[in-house]
Protein backbone atom coordinates (compact mmCIF):
# COMPACT_ATOMS: atom_id res chain seq x y z
CA MET A 1 37.58 -19.66 58.39
CA LEU A 2 38.04 -20.96 54.84
CA ARG A 3 34.43 -22.15 54.86
CA VAL A 4 33.19 -18.65 55.72
CA MET A 5 35.52 -17.03 53.18
CA LEU A 6 34.50 -19.22 50.23
CA SER A 7 30.82 -19.03 51.17
CA GLU A 8 30.99 -15.23 51.15
CA GLN A 9 32.78 -15.21 47.80
CA LEU A 10 30.13 -17.47 46.27
CA ARG A 11 27.34 -15.36 47.71
CA ALA A 12 28.93 -12.14 46.44
CA CYS A 13 29.37 -13.58 42.94
CA GLY A 14 25.89 -15.09 42.67
CA VAL A 15 26.98 -18.70 42.16
CA VAL A 16 24.08 -21.16 41.99
CA GLY A 17 23.61 -24.72 40.80
CA ALA A 18 24.20 -24.55 37.04
CA GLY A 19 22.83 -28.04 36.39
CA GLY A 20 19.22 -26.89 36.59
CA ALA A 21 18.18 -26.70 40.25
CA GLY A 22 19.78 -23.31 40.85
CA PHE A 23 20.39 -23.86 44.56
CA PRO A 24 22.66 -21.10 45.95
CA ALA A 25 26.17 -22.57 46.19
CA HIS A 26 27.22 -20.46 49.19
CA VAL A 27 24.85 -22.49 51.37
CA LYS A 28 26.49 -25.77 50.35
CA ALA A 29 29.93 -24.29 51.05
CA GLN A 30 28.90 -23.86 54.70
CA SER A 31 28.28 -27.61 55.11
CA LYS A 32 30.48 -30.13 56.90
CA VAL A 33 30.69 -33.36 54.85
CA GLU A 34 32.86 -36.32 53.99
CA TYR A 35 32.35 -36.31 50.22
CA VAL A 36 32.30 -33.57 47.58
CA ILE A 37 30.97 -35.00 44.33
CA ALA A 38 31.25 -33.35 40.91
CA ASN A 39 28.29 -34.17 38.68
CA GLY A 40 29.45 -34.51 35.08
CA ALA A 41 27.02 -37.29 34.16
CA GLU A 42 24.82 -35.19 31.87
CA CYS A 43 21.99 -37.58 31.07
CA GLU A 44 19.49 -35.39 29.15
CA PRO A 45 19.36 -36.66 25.53
CA LEU A 46 21.13 -34.49 22.90
CA ILE A 47 22.69 -31.99 25.34
CA HIS A 48 26.48 -32.26 25.68
CA LYS A 49 27.52 -29.02 27.37
CA ASP A 50 29.02 -30.59 30.49
CA VAL A 51 31.21 -32.90 28.40
CA GLU A 52 32.50 -29.95 26.38
CA LEU A 53 33.13 -27.98 29.58
CA MET A 54 35.18 -30.81 31.09
CA LYS A 55 37.21 -31.10 27.88
CA ARG A 56 37.92 -27.36 27.67
CA TYR A 57 38.14 -26.24 31.29
CA PRO A 58 39.33 -29.21 33.38
CA ARG A 59 41.69 -27.12 35.51
CA GLU A 60 39.01 -24.68 36.62
CA ILE A 61 36.58 -27.49 37.41
CA LEU A 62 39.11 -29.30 39.56
CA GLU A 63 40.05 -26.05 41.30
CA GLY A 64 36.38 -25.56 42.15
CA LEU A 65 36.17 -29.13 43.43
CA ALA A 66 39.23 -28.63 45.64
CA LEU A 67 37.88 -25.33 47.00
CA MET A 68 34.56 -26.92 47.93
CA ALA A 69 36.39 -29.83 49.58
CA GLN A 70 38.53 -27.45 51.65
CA ALA A 71 35.55 -25.35 52.67
CA THR A 72 33.41 -28.32 53.70
CA GLY A 73 36.21 -30.36 55.26
CA ALA A 74 35.56 -33.20 52.81
CA THR A 75 38.23 -35.90 52.84
CA LYS A 76 37.02 -37.49 49.59
CA GLN A 77 36.58 -35.86 46.18
CA VAL A 78 34.77 -37.68 43.39
CA MET A 79 34.22 -36.86 39.71
CA GLY A 80 31.09 -38.53 38.30
CA VAL A 81 31.64 -38.99 34.55
CA LYS A 82 30.22 -41.46 32.05
CA LYS A 83 32.67 -44.13 30.86
CA LYS A 84 31.93 -43.25 27.24
CA ASN A 85 33.30 -39.70 27.69
CA ALA A 86 36.95 -40.71 27.44
CA GLU A 87 38.14 -37.31 26.16
CA ALA A 88 36.67 -35.54 29.17
CA MET A 89 38.32 -38.01 31.55
CA GLU A 90 41.65 -37.63 29.75
CA ALA A 91 41.45 -33.85 30.03
CA LEU A 92 40.72 -34.03 33.76
CA THR A 93 43.46 -36.60 34.32
CA GLY A 94 45.91 -34.43 32.38
CA VAL A 95 45.72 -31.62 34.96
CA ARG A 96 45.48 -33.86 38.00
CA GLN A 97 48.93 -33.02 39.43
CA GLY A 98 48.51 -35.39 42.35
CA ALA A 99 45.19 -33.97 43.51
CA PRO A 100 43.33 -36.42 45.80
CA TRP A 101 40.23 -37.01 43.69
CA GLU A 102 38.97 -40.08 41.88
CA PHE A 103 36.51 -40.96 39.13
CA VAL A 104 33.26 -42.81 39.54
CA LYS A 105 32.66 -44.08 36.03
CA LEU A 106 29.00 -44.22 35.12
CA GLY A 107 27.08 -46.12 32.47
CA ASP A 108 25.28 -44.31 29.66
CA PHE A 109 21.89 -44.56 31.34
CA TYR A 110 19.08 -42.18 32.14
CA PRO A 111 18.98 -40.60 34.72
CA SER A 112 22.58 -41.24 35.83
CA GLY A 113 22.92 -37.53 36.69
CA ASP A 114 20.16 -37.64 39.31
CA GLU A 115 21.88 -36.84 42.61
CA TYR A 116 20.26 -39.81 44.37
CA GLU A 117 21.76 -42.09 41.70
CA LEU A 118 25.12 -40.35 41.72
CA VAL A 119 25.49 -40.43 45.50
CA TYR A 120 24.64 -44.15 45.52
CA HIS A 121 27.14 -45.01 42.77
CA ALA A 122 29.86 -42.81 44.25
CA THR A 123 29.53 -43.81 47.90
CA GLY A 124 27.15 -46.77 48.19
CA ARG A 125 24.98 -44.60 50.45
CA LEU A 126 21.25 -44.06 50.05
CA ILE A 127 19.81 -40.63 50.75
CA PRO A 128 16.84 -40.81 53.16
CA PRO A 129 13.38 -40.58 51.51
CA ALA A 130 12.70 -36.94 50.55
CA GLY A 131 16.16 -36.12 51.90
CA ILE A 132 19.25 -34.37 50.55
CA PRO A 133 22.87 -35.55 50.02
CA LEU A 134 24.01 -33.63 53.10
CA GLN A 135 22.19 -36.20 55.25
CA VAL A 136 24.62 -38.89 54.12
CA GLY A 137 27.71 -36.70 54.29
CA CYS A 138 27.79 -35.52 50.68
CA VAL A 139 27.69 -32.27 48.72
CA VAL A 140 26.98 -32.56 45.00
CA ASN A 141 27.80 -29.83 42.48
CA ASN A 142 27.41 -29.75 38.70
CA VAL A 143 30.75 -29.32 36.91
CA GLU A 144 29.76 -25.88 35.61
CA THR A 145 28.93 -24.83 39.15
CA LEU A 146 32.46 -25.86 40.13
CA TYR A 147 33.85 -23.79 37.25
CA ASN A 148 31.91 -20.83 38.65
CA VAL A 149 33.26 -21.58 42.15
CA SER A 150 36.78 -21.30 40.75
CA MET A 151 35.92 -17.99 39.07
CA ALA A 152 34.25 -16.63 42.23
CA ALA A 153 37.41 -17.33 44.21
CA GLN A 154 39.07 -14.83 41.85
CA GLY A 155 36.25 -12.32 42.33
CA VAL A 156 34.52 -13.01 39.00
CA PRO A 157 30.69 -13.06 39.25
CA VAL A 158 28.37 -15.24 37.17
CA THR A 159 27.50 -13.25 34.05
CA ARG A 160 27.34 -15.97 31.38
CA LYS A 161 26.08 -19.50 30.80
CA PHE A 162 27.67 -22.49 29.09
CA LEU A 163 25.07 -24.23 26.93
CA THR A 164 24.35 -26.40 23.90
CA VAL A 165 22.14 -25.47 20.95
CA CYS A 166 21.15 -28.48 18.87
CA GLY A 167 18.33 -30.26 17.07
CA ALA A 168 17.07 -28.76 13.82
CA VAL A 169 19.74 -26.07 13.51
CA ARG A 170 22.39 -25.72 10.81
CA SER A 171 25.41 -25.75 13.09
CA PRO A 172 24.84 -27.50 16.43
CA LYS A 173 27.40 -26.30 18.95
CA THR A 174 28.25 -25.47 22.54
CA PHE A 175 29.33 -22.00 23.65
CA TRP A 176 29.24 -19.30 26.31
CA ALA A 177 26.31 -16.87 26.22
CA PRO A 178 25.70 -13.74 28.31
CA LEU A 179 22.86 -13.99 30.81
CA GLY A 180 19.72 -12.33 29.51
CA ILE A 181 20.40 -12.89 25.80
CA SER A 182 17.36 -14.09 23.83
CA TYR A 183 16.85 -17.62 22.56
CA ARG A 184 16.45 -16.14 19.08
CA GLU A 185 20.04 -14.88 19.16
CA LEU A 186 21.27 -18.27 20.36
CA LEU A 187 19.57 -19.96 17.42
CA GLU A 188 21.20 -17.48 15.07
CA ALA A 189 24.58 -18.27 16.63
CA ALA A 190 23.97 -21.93 15.73
CA GLY A 191 23.45 -21.06 12.08
CA GLY A 192 19.71 -20.62 12.27
CA VAL A 193 16.82 -23.08 12.31
CA THR A 194 16.32 -25.45 9.38
CA LEU A 195 12.51 -25.52 9.77
CA ASP A 196 9.74 -23.03 9.06
CA ASP A 197 7.56 -24.25 11.93
CA PHE A 198 9.42 -25.23 15.07
CA VAL A 199 9.45 -25.24 18.86
CA VAL A 200 12.26 -25.11 21.40
CA PHE A 201 12.80 -27.42 24.34
CA VAL A 202 14.77 -25.57 27.01
CA SER A 203 17.32 -27.52 29.10
CA GLY A 204 16.15 -30.95 28.00
CA LEU A 205 13.51 -33.16 26.45
CA MET A 206 12.84 -35.09 29.65
CA MET A 207 12.86 -32.50 32.44
CA GLY A 208 13.09 -29.27 30.47
CA THR A 209 10.31 -26.94 29.36
CA LEU A 210 8.62 -26.39 26.01
CA CYS A 211 8.99 -22.84 24.71
CA LEU A 212 7.12 -21.21 21.84
CA ASP A 213 8.58 -17.74 22.31
CA THR A 214 12.18 -17.23 21.16
CA ASN A 215 12.28 -13.84 22.88
CA GLU A 216 12.66 -15.66 26.21
CA VAL A 217 16.12 -15.27 27.73
CA VAL A 218 19.01 -17.26 29.14
CA THR A 219 19.34 -17.65 32.91
CA LYS A 220 21.91 -19.26 35.21
CA THR A 221 20.12 -22.61 34.94
CA THR A 222 19.61 -22.80 31.15
CA GLY A 223 21.30 -25.99 29.97
CA GLY A 224 20.63 -25.60 26.27
CA LEU A 225 18.10 -25.34 23.48
CA ILE A 226 16.78 -28.24 21.41
CA VAL A 227 14.87 -27.34 18.26
CA LEU A 228 12.21 -29.77 17.01
CA PRO A 229 9.44 -29.61 14.38
CA ARG A 230 6.17 -28.31 15.76
CA ASP A 231 4.41 -31.53 14.71
CA HIS A 232 6.96 -33.76 16.49
CA TYR A 233 5.69 -36.58 18.70
CA LEU A 234 7.15 -34.95 21.82
CA VAL A 235 5.41 -31.64 21.14
CA THR A 236 2.06 -33.36 20.73
CA ARG A 237 2.65 -35.16 24.02
CA ARG A 238 3.73 -32.04 25.90
CA THR A 239 0.90 -29.77 24.74
CA ARG A 240 -2.00 -31.87 26.04
CA THR A 241 -3.87 -30.40 28.99
CA GLN A 242 -3.94 -32.08 32.39
CA PRO A 243 -7.66 -32.97 32.08
CA GLU A 244 -6.93 -34.61 28.71
CA MET A 245 -4.05 -36.59 30.20
CA ASN A 246 -6.20 -37.70 33.12
CA HIS A 247 -9.08 -38.71 30.85
CA ILE A 248 -6.78 -40.81 28.66
CA GLY A 249 -5.16 -42.41 31.70
CA LYS A 250 -8.47 -43.18 33.39
CA SER A 251 -9.82 -44.90 30.30
CA ALA A 252 -6.72 -46.72 29.06
CA CYS A 253 -4.39 -47.63 31.94
CA ASP A 254 -4.40 -51.42 32.33
CA GLN A 255 -2.17 -51.45 35.45
CA CYS A 256 0.72 -53.22 33.73
CA SER A 257 3.04 -51.52 36.30
CA TYR A 258 5.90 -50.98 33.81
CA CYS A 259 6.03 -47.35 34.92
CA THR A 260 6.84 -48.50 38.45
CA GLU A 261 9.13 -51.38 37.50
CA LEU A 262 11.39 -49.03 35.51
CA CYS A 263 11.18 -46.05 37.88
CA PRO A 264 14.75 -45.11 38.94
CA ARG A 265 13.67 -44.06 42.43
CA TYR A 266 11.61 -47.22 42.94
CA LEU A 267 14.62 -49.31 41.91
CA LEU A 268 16.76 -47.49 44.49
CA GLY A 269 14.28 -48.50 47.18
CA TYR A 270 11.98 -45.50 47.50
CA GLU A 271 8.23 -46.04 47.66
CA VAL A 272 7.33 -44.45 44.33
CA MET A 273 4.60 -46.33 42.47
CA PRO A 274 3.24 -44.43 39.45
CA HIS A 275 0.89 -47.25 38.44
CA LYS A 276 -0.95 -46.87 41.74
CA VAL A 277 -1.22 -43.11 41.20
CA MET A 278 -2.70 -43.85 37.78
CA ARG A 279 -5.17 -46.18 39.51
CA GLY A 280 -6.29 -43.25 41.63
CA LEU A 281 -7.51 -41.37 38.53
CA GLY A 282 -10.57 -43.58 38.56
CA PHE A 283 -11.46 -42.98 42.20
CA THR A 284 -13.19 -40.21 44.13
CA THR A 285 -11.14 -37.55 45.89
CA THR A 286 -11.03 -39.66 49.04
CA GLY A 287 -9.88 -42.72 47.17
CA ALA A 288 -7.38 -40.74 45.14
CA GLN A 289 -5.69 -39.50 48.31
CA HIS A 290 -4.96 -43.09 49.24
CA TRP A 291 -3.27 -43.83 45.92
CA ASP A 292 -1.66 -40.42 45.50
CA GLN A 293 0.70 -40.96 48.42
CA TRP A 294 2.83 -43.12 46.09
CA ALA A 295 3.67 -40.00 44.05
CA GLU A 296 5.28 -38.01 46.82
CA LEU A 297 8.84 -39.30 46.38
CA CYS A 298 8.75 -39.05 42.57
CA CYS A 299 11.61 -36.94 41.12
CA SER A 300 9.71 -36.12 37.88
CA CYS A 301 12.43 -37.56 35.64
CA GLY A 302 9.76 -38.42 33.05
CA LEU A 303 11.01 -41.93 32.30
CA CYS A 304 7.65 -43.49 33.11
CA THR A 305 5.74 -41.23 30.72
CA LEU A 306 8.21 -41.02 27.85
CA TYR A 307 9.73 -44.49 27.90
CA ALA A 308 8.18 -47.11 30.18
CA CYS A 309 4.46 -46.81 29.44
CA PRO A 310 3.52 -49.03 26.45
CA GLU A 311 0.31 -47.05 25.90
CA ASP A 312 1.82 -43.54 25.84
CA LEU A 313 -0.03 -42.49 29.00
CA TYR A 314 1.04 -39.86 31.52
CA PRO A 315 2.07 -41.36 34.89
CA LYS A 316 4.68 -38.65 35.55
CA GLU A 317 2.09 -35.92 35.04
CA ALA A 318 -0.35 -37.78 37.28
CA CYS A 319 2.35 -37.85 39.96
CA ASP A 320 3.05 -34.14 39.51
CA GLN A 321 -0.64 -33.36 39.96
CA ALA A 322 -0.89 -35.62 42.99
CA LYS A 323 2.05 -33.92 44.70
CA VAL A 324 0.53 -30.48 44.21
CA GLU A 325 -2.87 -31.60 45.51
CA ARG A 326 -1.37 -33.30 48.55
CA ARG A 327 0.64 -30.21 49.49
CA ALA A 328 -2.46 -28.05 49.12
CA ALA A 329 -4.35 -30.45 51.41
CA GLY A 330 -1.57 -30.44 53.99
CA LEU A 331 -0.83 -34.14 53.50
CA ARG A 332 2.64 -35.64 53.75
CA PHE A 333 3.72 -39.21 53.13
CA VAL A 334 6.62 -40.54 55.21
CA GLN A 335 8.25 -43.75 54.05
CA GLU A 336 8.60 -46.10 57.00
CA ALA A 337 10.15 -49.05 55.19
CA PRO A 338 13.96 -49.00 55.03
CA VAL A 339 15.44 -47.90 51.70
CA GLN A 340 16.73 -51.04 50.04
CA VAL A 341 18.00 -51.29 46.48
CA HIS A 342 15.86 -53.49 44.24
CA PRO A 343 17.69 -56.72 43.26
CA MET A 344 16.96 -56.03 39.57
CA LYS A 345 18.16 -52.43 39.56
CA GLU A 346 21.37 -53.01 37.62
CA TYR A 347 19.43 -54.87 34.91
CA ARG A 348 16.75 -52.25 34.33
CA GLY A 349 18.83 -49.23 33.41
CA VAL A 350 17.58 -47.40 30.31
CA PRO A 351 20.41 -46.72 27.83
CA LEU A 352 20.34 -43.25 26.30
CA SER A 353 20.47 -44.77 22.81
CA GLN A 354 17.19 -46.60 23.45
CA LEU A 355 15.66 -43.54 25.06
CA ARG A 356 16.53 -41.38 22.04
CA GLN A 357 14.91 -43.92 19.74
CA ARG A 358 11.78 -44.01 21.90
CA LEU A 359 11.69 -40.19 21.82
CA ARG A 360 12.17 -40.22 18.03
CA VAL A 361 15.16 -37.88 18.13
CA GLU A 362 18.02 -40.18 17.11
CA GLU A 363 18.58 -38.17 13.91
CA TYR A 364 19.53 -35.16 16.05
CA GLU A 365 22.21 -36.96 18.05
CA VAL A 366 25.29 -35.26 16.55
CA PRO A 367 28.47 -33.68 17.94
CA THR A 368 28.02 -30.20 19.42
CA PRO A 369 31.63 -28.98 19.59
CA PHE A 370 32.63 -25.99 21.68
CA GLU A 371 33.07 -22.74 19.77
CA ASP A 372 34.58 -19.68 21.40
CA LEU A 373 31.99 -17.14 20.24
CA SER A 374 31.95 -13.45 21.14
CA LEU A 375 28.24 -12.78 21.40
CA GLU A 376 27.51 -9.07 21.78
CA PRO A 377 23.76 -8.59 22.09
CA ASN A 378 22.29 -5.10 21.75
CA ARG A 379 20.17 -5.69 24.82
CA VAL A 380 19.71 -8.27 27.57
CA ARG A 381 16.98 -8.91 30.10
CA VAL A 382 18.56 -10.13 33.32
CA ALA A 383 15.95 -11.93 35.42
CA TRP A 384 15.70 -11.34 39.18
CA LYS A 385 14.91 -15.01 39.79
CA GLN A 386 17.43 -17.41 38.29
CA HIS A 387 17.77 -19.65 41.31
CA ALA A 388 16.01 -21.43 44.16
CA GLY A 389 14.62 -19.13 46.82
CA GLU A 390 13.51 -15.51 46.71
CA PRO A 391 13.99 -13.26 43.65
CA ALA A 392 16.73 -10.66 43.84
CA GLN A 393 15.65 -7.07 44.48
CA PRO A 394 17.08 -4.28 42.31
CA VAL A 395 19.90 -2.13 43.62
CA VAL A 396 20.15 -0.10 40.40
CA ALA A 397 17.89 2.55 38.87
CA GLU A 398 16.59 3.15 35.38
CA GLY A 399 19.04 5.22 33.35
CA GLN A 400 22.03 4.04 35.38
CA LYS A 401 25.23 3.09 33.55
CA VAL A 402 26.56 -0.39 34.36
CA ARG A 403 29.46 -2.56 33.32
CA ALA A 404 29.50 -6.34 32.94
CA GLY A 405 29.87 -7.79 36.42
CA ASP A 406 28.24 -4.89 38.25
CA LEU A 407 25.66 -5.85 40.87
CA LEU A 408 22.06 -5.44 39.68
CA GLY A 409 20.13 -7.04 42.52
CA GLU A 410 20.40 -9.10 45.66
CA PRO A 411 17.98 -11.24 47.67
CA PRO A 412 16.12 -9.91 50.72
CA ALA A 413 18.13 -10.02 53.94
CA ASP A 414 18.08 -13.40 55.71
CA LYS A 415 16.26 -15.07 52.79
CA LEU A 416 17.50 -17.88 50.55
CA GLY A 417 18.42 -16.43 47.17
CA ALA A 418 21.25 -15.20 44.97
CA ARG A 419 22.70 -12.01 43.61
CA VAL A 420 22.41 -11.15 39.91
CA HIS A 421 24.91 -9.12 37.92
CA ALA A 422 25.01 -7.23 34.64
CA SER A 423 26.16 -9.38 31.73
CA ILE A 424 27.05 -6.54 29.33
CA ASP A 425 28.20 -2.93 29.48
CA GLY A 426 25.35 -0.49 28.95
CA THR A 427 22.47 1.46 30.42
CA VAL A 428 19.62 0.11 32.53
CA GLN A 429 16.69 0.89 30.24
CA SER A 430 13.89 -0.47 32.42
CA ILE A 431 13.21 -2.35 35.64
CA SER A 432 10.20 -4.59 36.18
CA GLU A 433 9.16 -7.43 38.45
CA ALA A 434 10.71 -9.85 35.95
CA GLY A 435 14.13 -8.26 35.66
CA ALA A 436 16.29 -5.45 34.36
CA VAL A 437 16.71 -4.61 30.67
CA ILE A 438 20.18 -3.34 29.78
CA VAL A 439 20.87 -1.69 26.44
CA ALA A 440 24.42 -1.96 25.20
CA GLY A 441 26.59 1.09 24.70
């Protein structure tokens, strides 16, 4: 009964995975598992929003963890936090009050927040190839998702996002922002940009996206904004076209295999071999299909491209392309070998400090303290699709008055998706396929 009740509350309040994937949380609440794991690892360089959230809202996070454990019947609750984040662990311990959860203390490595890594370190279990944590009795939620679970249990829908704004800004910080607010307003809240010519990486340098338009808006999965000079090394890397990347790889890859030897999934025992995918760039379509199978279990963490390759090639992008082409061709690779952790795994972790140096962003690694801002945008654009699954469909009309928290749209019946709600009081100015624009007042 509790499982149904919490699931319905999460569905009604539009709670989705806040760590980036955006998977609707009400589906996870319907599971039956042994472990509920809170993901507070936060491994993207420069972004510290999860640490600040754990320091400021430990009680709500633990309440969300307990609610998910009760709903799923989990007998074990685990908080995945890096050992270096002592203040966050102290805050969580300070509100423990005998609750039956425990820490799994993680090293400062990338990508320690990957759910395959976290499940392994927390339980010793290995998720089946191309599988999900549920298959080994686990549900994993980002700590902000658990905060939202706690709020949903009180009837409060998701109308804002906790995020970090850092890089080349005058006052790097972490704060709450209403959904649909523009990136431009977030940059202003951080004191403004210190450069005349800049770009914004959204939600991370490794797995985030490059944005050139600061009129884009915050969604439920936005982890933060990182401002870099337009001529930065990472921008040059990210703006090459796929044919350019393939041409460079075909001509320069010497099959050193460093991309494979440092691949986190390969080290866990999954048959991911980026160097073989790179080899396929020099073959015909038939030959490429043979080599491209080694891309299928890649998680696109970017470590091979941005750290491991000594020649600055693009194995991650080659894997991304291979996965798309294989799906289009109706091909599917199934790993037959048992998943077995590589004996050198614990010696090949990539420390975040080394990764930042390789990315040439060490100068931007500064504190981003939480600030309780009261952002009041004149308008917001609330997107219909802020989650995995189908976009929400509008249930409001142009000209309609709404208040923050009012329902704007919900997914089609019997389809995976999530509700979206108004983030400010105002009037629905326009409705499009992208979302609803609300003007304050």
